C-alpha atoms as a PDB file:
ATOM      1  CA  MET A   1      10.212   6.454 -18.385  1.00  0.00           C
ATOM      2  CA  SER A   2      10.410   6.054 -14.597  1.00  0.00           C
ATOM      3  CA  GLN A   3      13.734   5.436 -12.925  1.00  0.00           C
ATOM      4  CA  THR A   4      14.451   2.204 -11.058  1.00  0.00           C
ATOM      5  CA  ILE A   5      15.822   2.048  -7.527  1.00  0.00           C
ATOM      6  CA  TYR A   6      17.192  -1.010  -5.715  1.00  0.00           C
ATOM      7  CA  ILE A   7      16.989  -1.187  -1.916  1.00  0.00           C
ATOM      8  CA  ALA A   8      18.826  -3.678   0.314  1.00  0.00           C
ATOM      9  CA  ASP A   9      17.845  -3.655   3.993  1.00  0.00           C
ATOM     10  CA  TYR A  10      17.505  -6.570   6.376  1.00  0.00           C
ATOM     11  CA  GLU A  11      14.399  -5.103   8.030  1.00  0.00           C
ATOM     12  CA  GLN A  12      11.243  -5.896   6.063  1.00  0.00           C
ATOM     13  CA  ASP A  13       9.278  -3.059   7.657  1.00  0.00           C
ATOM     14  CA  ILE A  14      11.871  -0.521   6.541  1.00  0.00           C
ATOM     15  CA  ARG A  15      11.968  -1.960   3.015  1.00  0.00           C
ATOM     16  CA  GLU A  16       8.191  -1.691   2.739  1.00  0.00           C
ATOM     17  CA  ILE A  17       8.041   1.853   4.114  1.00  0.00           C
ATOM     18  CA  LEU A  18      10.833   3.154   1.882  1.00  0.00           C
ATOM     19  CA  THR A  19       9.409   1.358  -1.135  1.00  0.00           C
ATOM     20  CA  GLY A  20       6.031   3.000  -0.555  1.00  0.00           C
ATOM     21  CA  PHE A  21       7.466   6.517  -0.267  1.00  0.00           C
ATOM     22  CA  LEU A  22       9.690   6.118  -3.329  1.00  0.00           C
ATOM     23  CA  GLU A  23       6.895   4.638  -5.439  1.00  0.00           C
ATOM     24  CA  ASN A  24       4.649   7.532  -4.433  1.00  0.00           C
ATOM     25  CA  ALA A  25       7.415   9.843  -5.696  1.00  0.00           C
ATOM     26  CA  GLY A  26       7.228   8.150  -9.102  1.00  0.00           C
ATOM     27  CA  TYR A  27      10.096   5.638  -8.951  1.00  0.00           C
ATOM     28  CA  GLU A  28      10.051   1.935  -9.692  1.00  0.00           C
ATOM     29  CA  VAL A  29      11.489   0.045  -6.715  1.00  0.00           C
ATOM     30  CA  GLU A  30      12.928  -3.443  -6.206  1.00  0.00           C
ATOM     31  CA  SER A  31      13.770  -4.403  -2.616  1.00  0.00           C
ATOM     32  CA  PHE A  32      16.113  -7.120  -1.347  1.00  0.00           C
ATOM     33  CA  GLU A  33      16.805  -8.527   2.083  1.00  0.00           C
ATOM     34  CA  THR A  34      20.564  -8.716   1.506  1.00  0.00           C
ATOM     35  CA  GLY A  35      23.189  -6.833  -0.404  1.00  0.00           C
ATOM     36  CA  ASP A  36      24.398  -9.895  -2.259  1.00  0.00           C
ATOM     37  CA  GLU A  37      20.873 -10.483  -3.607  1.00  0.00           C
ATOM     38  CA  LEU A  38      20.815  -6.890  -4.784  1.00  0.00           C
ATOM     39  CA  PHE A  39      24.202  -7.214  -6.473  1.00  0.00           C
ATOM     40  CA  ALA A  40      23.212 -10.427  -8.252  1.00  0.00           C
ATOM     41  CA  SER A  41      20.164  -8.676  -9.700  1.00  0.00           C
ATOM     42  CA  PHE A  42      22.190  -5.560 -10.536  1.00  0.00           C
ATOM     43  CA  ARG A  43      24.628  -7.553 -12.659  1.00  0.00           C
ATOM     44  CA  THR A  44      21.736  -8.740 -14.831  1.00  0.00           C
ATOM     45  CA  TYR A  45      19.403  -5.744 -14.667  1.00  0.00           C
ATOM     46  CA  PRO A  46      21.234  -2.518 -13.688  1.00  0.00           C
ATOM     47  CA  CYS A  47      19.171   0.133 -11.922  1.00  0.00           C
ATOM     48  CA  ASP A  48      19.400   3.934 -11.749  1.00  0.00           C
ATOM     49  CA  LEU A  49      20.231   4.220  -8.025  1.00  0.00           C
ATOM     50  CA  VAL A  50      21.130   1.893  -5.150  1.00  0.00           C
ATOM     51  CA  ILE A  51      20.178   2.233  -1.483  1.00  0.00           C
ATOM     52  CA  LEU A  52      22.371  -0.103   0.535  1.00  0.00           C
ATOM     53  CA  ASP A  53      22.362  -0.949   4.231  1.00  0.00           C
ATOM     54  CA  ILE A  54      26.088  -1.518   4.719  1.00  0.00           C
ATOM     55  CA  ILE A  55      25.678  -3.074   8.154  1.00  0.00           C
ATOM     56  CA  ARG A  56      23.410  -6.006   7.401  1.00  0.00           C
ATOM     57  CA  SER A  57      24.286  -8.201   4.447  1.00  0.00           C
ATOM     58  CA  THR A  58      25.077 -11.866   3.788  1.00  0.00           C
ATOM     59  CA  ILE A  59      28.200 -10.554   2.122  1.00  0.00           C
ATOM     60  CA  ASP A  60      29.785  -7.665   4.006  1.00  0.00           C
ATOM     61  CA  GLY A  61      28.074  -4.429   2.990  1.00  0.00           C
ATOM     62  CA  MET A  62      31.395  -2.743   2.276  1.00  0.00           C
ATOM     63  CA  THR A  63      32.236  -5.486  -0.195  1.00  0.00           C
ATOM     64  CA  ILE A  64      28.909  -4.999  -1.964  1.00  0.00           C
ATOM     65  CA  CYS A  65      29.536  -1.264  -2.227  1.00  0.00           C
ATOM     66  CA  LYS A  66      32.985  -1.886  -3.718  1.00  0.00           C
ATOM     67  CA  LYS A  67      31.633  -4.513  -6.114  1.00  0.00           C
ATOM     68  CA  ILE A  68      28.933  -2.214  -7.433  1.00  0.00           C
ATOM     69  CA  ARG A  69      31.391   0.628  -7.827  1.00  0.00           C
ATOM     70  CA  SER A  70      33.845  -1.630  -9.687  1.00  0.00           C
ATOM     71  CA  VAL A  71      31.315  -2.254 -12.461  1.00  0.00           C
ATOM     72  CA  SER A  72      29.183   0.917 -12.438  1.00  0.00           C
ATOM     73  CA  SER A  73      29.077   4.605 -11.539  1.00  0.00           C
ATOM     74  CA  VAL A  74      25.437   4.276 -10.434  1.00  0.00           C
ATOM     75  CA  PRO A  75      24.647   6.567  -7.474  1.00  0.00           C
ATOM     76  CA  ILE A  76      24.814   4.748  -4.131  1.00  0.00           C
ATOM     77  CA  ILE A  77      23.189   5.918  -0.900  1.00  0.00           C
ATOM     78  CA  ILE A  78      24.447   4.011   2.107  1.00  0.00           C
ATOM     79  CA  ILE A  79      22.440   3.465   5.282  1.00  0.00           C
ATOM     80  CA  THR A  80      24.191   3.010   8.608  1.00  0.00           C
ATOM     81  CA  ASP A  81      23.225   2.568  12.232  1.00  0.00           C
ATOM     82  CA  LYS A  82      23.550   5.563  14.549  1.00  0.00           C
ATOM     83  CA  ASP A  83      26.661   4.369  16.371  1.00  0.00           C
ATOM     84  CA  CYS A  84      28.571   3.052  13.338  1.00  0.00           C
ATOM     85  CA  LYS A  85      30.571   6.123  12.321  1.00  0.00           C
ATOM     86  CA  THR A  86      33.532   4.013  11.195  1.00  0.00           C
ATOM     87  CA  ASP A  87      31.352   1.942   8.879  1.00  0.00           C
ATOM     88  CA  LYS A  88      29.793   5.097   7.474  1.00  0.00           C
ATOM     89  CA  MET A  89      33.209   6.495   6.613  1.00  0.00           C
ATOM     90  CA  LYS A  90      34.301   3.225   5.028  1.00  0.00           C
ATOM     91  CA  GLY A  91      31.137   3.052   2.962  1.00  0.00           C
ATOM     92  CA  LEU A  92      31.751   6.533   1.570  1.00  0.00           C
ATOM     93  CA  THR A  93      35.394   5.709   0.953  1.00  0.00           C
ATOM     94  CA  TYR A  94      34.402   2.554  -0.915  1.00  0.00           C
ATOM     95  CA  GLY A  95      32.222   4.435  -3.366  1.00  0.00           C
ATOM     96  CA  GLY A  96      29.056   5.639  -1.637  1.00  0.00           C
ATOM     97  CA  ASP A  97      27.802   9.012  -2.880  1.00  0.00           C
ATOM     98  CA  ASP A  98      25.662   9.932   0.111  1.00  0.00           C
ATOM     99  CA  TYR A  99      24.546   8.470   3.438  1.00  0.00           C
ATOM    100  CA  LEU A 100      21.723   8.420   5.950  1.00  0.00           C
ATOM    101  CA  THR A 101      21.918   7.312   9.560  1.00  0.00           C
ATOM    102  CA  LYS A 102      19.085   5.347  11.154  1.00  0.00           C
ATOM    103  CA  PRO A 103      16.614   6.483  12.305  1.00  0.00           C
ATOM    104  CA  PHE A 104      15.685   8.905   9.516  1.00  0.00           C
ATOM    105  CA  LEU A 105      12.503  10.256   7.966  1.00  0.00           C
ATOM    106  CA  PRO A 106      11.522   8.532   4.691  1.00  0.00           C
ATOM    107  CA  MET A 107      11.111  11.923   3.004  1.00  0.00           C
ATOM    108  CA  GLN A 108      14.750  12.664   3.789  1.00  0.00           C
ATOM    109  CA  LEU A 109      15.676   9.671   1.675  1.00  0.00           C
ATOM    110  CA  VAL A 110      13.309  10.696  -1.125  1.00  0.00           C
ATOM    111  CA  MET A 111      14.962  14.141  -1.232  1.00  0.00           C
ATOM    112  CA  ARG A 112      18.462  12.653  -1.314  1.00  0.00           C
ATOM    113  CA  VAL A 113      17.422  10.297  -4.125  1.00  0.00           C
ATOM    114  CA  GLY A 114      16.023  13.190  -6.138  1.00  0.00           C
ATOM    115  CA  ALA A 115      19.160  15.279  -5.646  1.00  0.00           C
ATOM    116  CA  LEU A 116      21.482  12.486  -6.786  1.00  0.00           C
ATOM    117  CA  LEU A 117      19.412  11.621  -9.842  1.00  0.00           C
ATOM    118  CA  ARG A 118      19.281  15.291 -10.861  1.00  0.00           C
ATOM    119  CA  LEU A 119      23.073  15.369 -10.726  1.00  0.00           C
ATOM    120  CA  VAL A 120      23.240  12.281 -12.928  1.00  0.00           C
ATOM    121  CA  ASN A 121      20.979  13.992 -15.441  1.00  0.00           C
ATOM    122  CA  MET A 122      23.161  17.109 -15.347  1.00  0.00           C
ATOM    123  CA  GLN A 123      26.244  15.027 -16.054  1.00  0.00           C
ATOM    124  CA  GLU A 124      24.614  13.202 -18.949  1.00  0.00           C
ATOM    125  CA  THR A 125      23.334  16.374 -20.604  1.00  0.00           C
ATOM    126  CA  SER A 126      26.340  18.601 -19.895  1.00  0.00           C
ATOM    127  CA  ALA A 127      28.009  19.775 -23.096  1.00  0.00           C
ATOM    128  CA  GLY A 128      30.648  21.903 -21.427  1.00  0.00           C
ATOM    129  CA  ASP A 129      34.330  21.276 -22.018  1.00  0.00           C
ATOM    130  CA  GLU A 130      35.795  23.956 -19.773  1.00  0.00           C
ATOM    131  CA  ASP A 131      38.534  23.077 -17.293  1.00  0.00           C
ATOM    132  CA  ILE A 132      38.739  25.124 -14.101  1.00  0.00           C
ATOM    133  CA  THR A 133      42.048  25.059 -12.246  1.00  0.00           C
ATOM    134  CA  TYR A 134      43.003  26.432  -8.860  1.00  0.00           C
ATOM    135  CA  VAL A 135      46.642  25.783  -7.911  1.00  0.00           C
ATOM    136  CA  ASP A 136      46.999  21.991  -8.421  1.00  0.00           C
ATOM    137  CA  VAL A 137      43.276  21.118  -8.506  1.00  0.00           C
ATOM    138  CA  THR A 138      41.387  20.932 -11.815  1.00  0.00           C
ATOM    139  CA  PHE A 139      37.713  20.323 -12.520  1.00  0.00           C
ATOM    140  CA  SER A 140      36.696  19.135 -15.985  1.00  0.00           C
ATOM    141  CA  SER A 141      33.148  20.085 -16.986  1.00  0.00           C
ATOM    142  CA  LYS A 142      33.330  17.511 -19.766  1.00  0.00           C
ATOM    143  CA  THR A 143      34.226  14.478 -17.646  1.00  0.00           C
ATOM    144  CA  ARG A 144      32.796  15.823 -14.343  1.00  0.00           C
ATOM    145  CA  LYS A 145      35.966  14.743 -12.571  1.00  0.00           C
ATOM    146  CA  VAL A 146      38.437  16.474 -10.262  1.00  0.00           C
ATOM    147  CA  THR A 147      42.165  15.859 -10.617  1.00  0.00           C
ATOM    148  CA  VAL A 148      45.156  16.830  -8.500  1.00  0.00           C
ATOM    149  CA  SER A 149      48.267  17.442 -10.582  1.00  0.00           C
ATOM    150  CA  GLY A 150      46.655  15.382 -13.343  1.00  0.00           C
ATOM    151  CA  ASN A 151      45.687  12.417 -11.160  1.00  0.00           C
ATOM    152  CA  ASP A 152      42.073  11.481 -10.383  1.00  0.00           C
ATOM    153  CA  ALA A 153      41.188  12.597  -6.844  1.00  0.00           C
ATOM    154  CA  GLU A 154      38.561   9.806  -6.708  1.00  0.00           C
ATOM    155  CA  LEU A 155      35.775  12.035  -5.431  1.00  0.00           C
ATOM    156  CA  THR A 156      32.190  10.815  -5.319  1.00  0.00           C
ATOM    157  CA  MET A 157      29.480  12.581  -7.305  1.00  0.00           C
ATOM    158  CA  MET A 158      28.368  14.839  -4.462  1.00  0.00           C
ATOM    159  CA  GLU A 159      31.959  15.659  -3.520  1.00  0.00           C
ATOM    160  CA  VAL A 160      32.712  16.690  -7.117  1.00  0.00           C
ATOM    161  CA  GLU A 161      29.652  18.923  -7.232  1.00  0.00           C
ATOM    162  CA  LEU A 162      30.527  20.714  -3.997  1.00  0.00           C
ATOM    163  CA  LEU A 163      34.195  21.235  -4.846  1.00  0.00           C
ATOM    164  CA  SER A 164      33.449  22.307  -8.419  1.00  0.00           C
ATOM    165  CA  LEU A 165      31.004  24.926  -7.117  1.00  0.00           C
ATOM    166  CA  LEU A 166      33.722  26.412  -4.914  1.00  0.00           C
ATOM    167  CA  LEU A 167      36.235  26.238  -7.783  1.00  0.00           C
ATOM    168  CA  LYS A 168      33.913  28.038 -10.189  1.00  0.00           C
ATOM    169  CA  ASN A 169      33.151  30.773  -7.677  1.00  0.00           C
ATOM    170  CA  GLN A 170      36.470  31.103  -5.843  1.00  0.00           C
ATOM    171  CA  PRO A 171      37.082  33.100  -3.624  1.00  0.00           C
ATOM    172  CA  ASN A 172      33.419  33.341  -2.625  1.00  0.00           C
ATOM    173  CA  VAL A 173      32.292  31.975   0.742  1.00  0.00           C
ATOM    174  CA  TYR A 174      29.291  29.619   0.802  1.00  0.00           C
ATOM    175  CA  SER A 175      27.211  29.023   3.896  1.00  0.00           C
ATOM    176  CA  ARG A 176      25.994  25.541   4.801  1.00  0.00           C
ATOM    177  CA  SER A 177      22.476  26.549   3.812  1.00  0.00           C
ATOM    178  CA  ASP A 178      23.694  27.814   0.424  1.00  0.00           C
ATOM    179  CA  LEU A 179      25.533  24.552  -0.234  1.00  0.00           C
ATOM    180  CA  LEU A 180      22.513  22.453   0.731  1.00  0.00           C
ATOM    181  CA  GLU A 181      20.358  24.362  -1.719  1.00  0.00           C
ATOM    182  CA  GLU A 182      22.951  24.483  -4.520  1.00  0.00           C
ATOM    183  CA  ILE A 183      24.228  20.897  -4.310  1.00  0.00           C
ATOM    184  CA  TRP A 184      21.454  18.853  -2.737  1.00  0.00           C
ATOM    185  CA  ASP A 185      18.548  21.128  -3.773  1.00  0.00           C
ATOM    186  CA  ILE A 186      17.316  20.796  -0.174  1.00  0.00           C
ATOM    187  CA  ASP A 187      16.141  23.479   2.231  1.00  0.00           C
ATOM    188  CA  SER A 188      18.312  23.563   5.354  1.00  0.00           C
ATOM    189  CA  GLU A 189      15.162  23.356   7.476  1.00  0.00           C
ATOM    190  CA  ASP A 190      14.432  19.918   6.035  1.00  0.00           C
ATOM    191  CA  ILE A 191      17.731  18.227   6.864  1.00  0.00           C
ATOM    192  CA  ASN A 192      20.627  18.289   9.291  1.00  0.00           C
ATOM    193  CA  THR A 193      23.341  20.547   7.841  1.00  0.00           C
ATOM    194  CA  SER A 194      26.013  18.174   9.180  1.00  0.00           C
ATOM    195  CA  VAL A 195      25.884  16.446   5.771  1.00  0.00           C
ATOM    196  CA  VAL A 196      27.722  19.501   4.404  1.00  0.00           C
ATOM    197  CA  ASP A 197      30.397  19.327   7.107  1.00  0.00           C
ATOM    198  CA  GLU A 198      30.920  15.620   6.499  1.00  0.00           C
ATOM    199  CA  THR A 199      31.175  16.059   2.727  1.00  0.00           C
ATOM    200  CA  VAL A 200      33.758  18.826   3.199  1.00  0.00           C
ATOM    201  CA  ARG A 201      35.708  16.619   5.589  1.00  0.00           C
ATOM    202  CA  ARG A 202      35.848  13.811   3.041  1.00  0.00           C
ATOM    203  CA  ILE A 203      36.929  16.153   0.242  1.00  0.00           C
ATOM    204  CA  ASN A 204      39.739  17.598   2.348  1.00  0.00           C
ATOM    205  CA  ALA A 205      40.914  14.122   3.317  1.00  0.00           C
ATOM    206  CA  LYS A 206      41.041  13.027  -0.334  1.00  0.00           C
ATOM    207  CA  LEU A 207      42.768  16.216  -1.479  1.00  0.00           C
ATOM    208  CA  LYS A 208      45.380  15.769   1.240  1.00  0.00           C
ATOM    209  CA  LEU A 209      45.888  12.128   0.297  1.00  0.00           C
ATOM    210  CA  ALA A 210      46.387  13.179  -3.329  1.00  0.00           C
ATOM    211  CA  GLY A 211      49.077  15.656  -2.223  1.00  0.00           C
ATOM    212  CA  SER A 212      47.154  18.842  -2.985  1.00  0.00           C
ATOM    213  CA  ASN A 213      48.004  22.245  -1.549  1.00  0.00           C
ATOM    214  CA  VAL A 214      44.332  23.176  -1.681  1.00  0.00           C
ATOM    215  CA  TYR A 215      41.730  22.600   1.021  1.00  0.00           C
ATOM    216  CA  ILE A 216      38.242  23.807   1.929  1.00  0.00           C
ATOM    217  CA  LYS A 217      38.489  26.151   4.888  1.00  0.00           C
ATOM    218  CA  ALA A 218      35.706  26.610   7.427  1.00  0.00           C
ATOM    219  CA  MET A 219      35.075  30.328   7.948  1.00  0.00           C
ATOM    220  CA  TRP A 220      33.394  30.191  11.343  1.00  0.00           C
ATOM    221  CA  GLY A 221      30.124  32.083  11.323  1.00  0.00           C
ATOM    222  CA  PHE A 222      30.171  32.399   7.532  1.00  0.00           C
ATOM    223  CA  GLY A 223      30.691  29.093   5.732  1.00  0.00           C
ATOM    224  CA  TYR A 224      33.291  27.497   3.471  1.00  0.00           C
ATOM    225  CA  LYS A 225      35.797  28.660   0.860  1.00  0.00           C
ATOM    226  CA  LEU A 226      38.881  27.356  -0.923  1.00  0.00           C
ATOM    227  CA  GLU A 227      42.298  28.101   0.563  1.00  0.00           C
ATOM    228  CA  ILE A 228      45.939  27.227  -0.044  1.00  0.00           C
ATOM    229  CA  ASN A 229      47.843  25.353   2.632  1.00  0.00           C
ATOM    230  CA  ASP A 230      50.722  27.759   3.258  1.00  0.00           C
ATOM    231  CA  GLU A 231      52.699  25.088   5.083  1.00  0.00           C
ATOM    232  CA  LYS A 232      52.915  23.029   1.852  1.00  0.00           C
ATOM    233  CA  ALA A 233      52.982  25.842  -0.706  1.00  0.00           C
END
């Protein structure tokens, strides 16, 4: 059975182009001009993944993202304009799992969609019940959640996957290219590796907010690994 994707974007041309590429990849697609139209349909007929332009919406796009996340864990890809870094960060904070900045290649979106849906499938079929703990951070294979001192760190799906990979393989160092292939199943030649840097930044911010002594350290020229903040330890 094919998976259903909802798209909300105020530009008809973009909706049509993205719909065509996603349908060619085997997905069923419903497109909406506004986020509130998408949310109204979602409440009645939930989909498998949402693509949401958080800039253009009758109801503020951030509100739509929060509303969807309040009723569902469905993967959300947010779309932002090039110069709207603040909105991009808010969208991810409010529950977005991944993002793309306009302009982007349609195949970039198709690859991101595939990566997120594969992670959903992994979560649904995972039978593991092992907990992995490093200092005050714990990953549960059963619930696919990360906690800090027992409290939910509120990481998105992609953030959990990246951090859990480092937890399972600590103290190994992973390059950006390795993380793109392991987490997003994307060749680094096909996408800007800054998505890795941004995901790491968000994880570190959430770990710090949760009071953790752990952070992901950039090993310049090598990649990323887990470290303990000596100043807090």
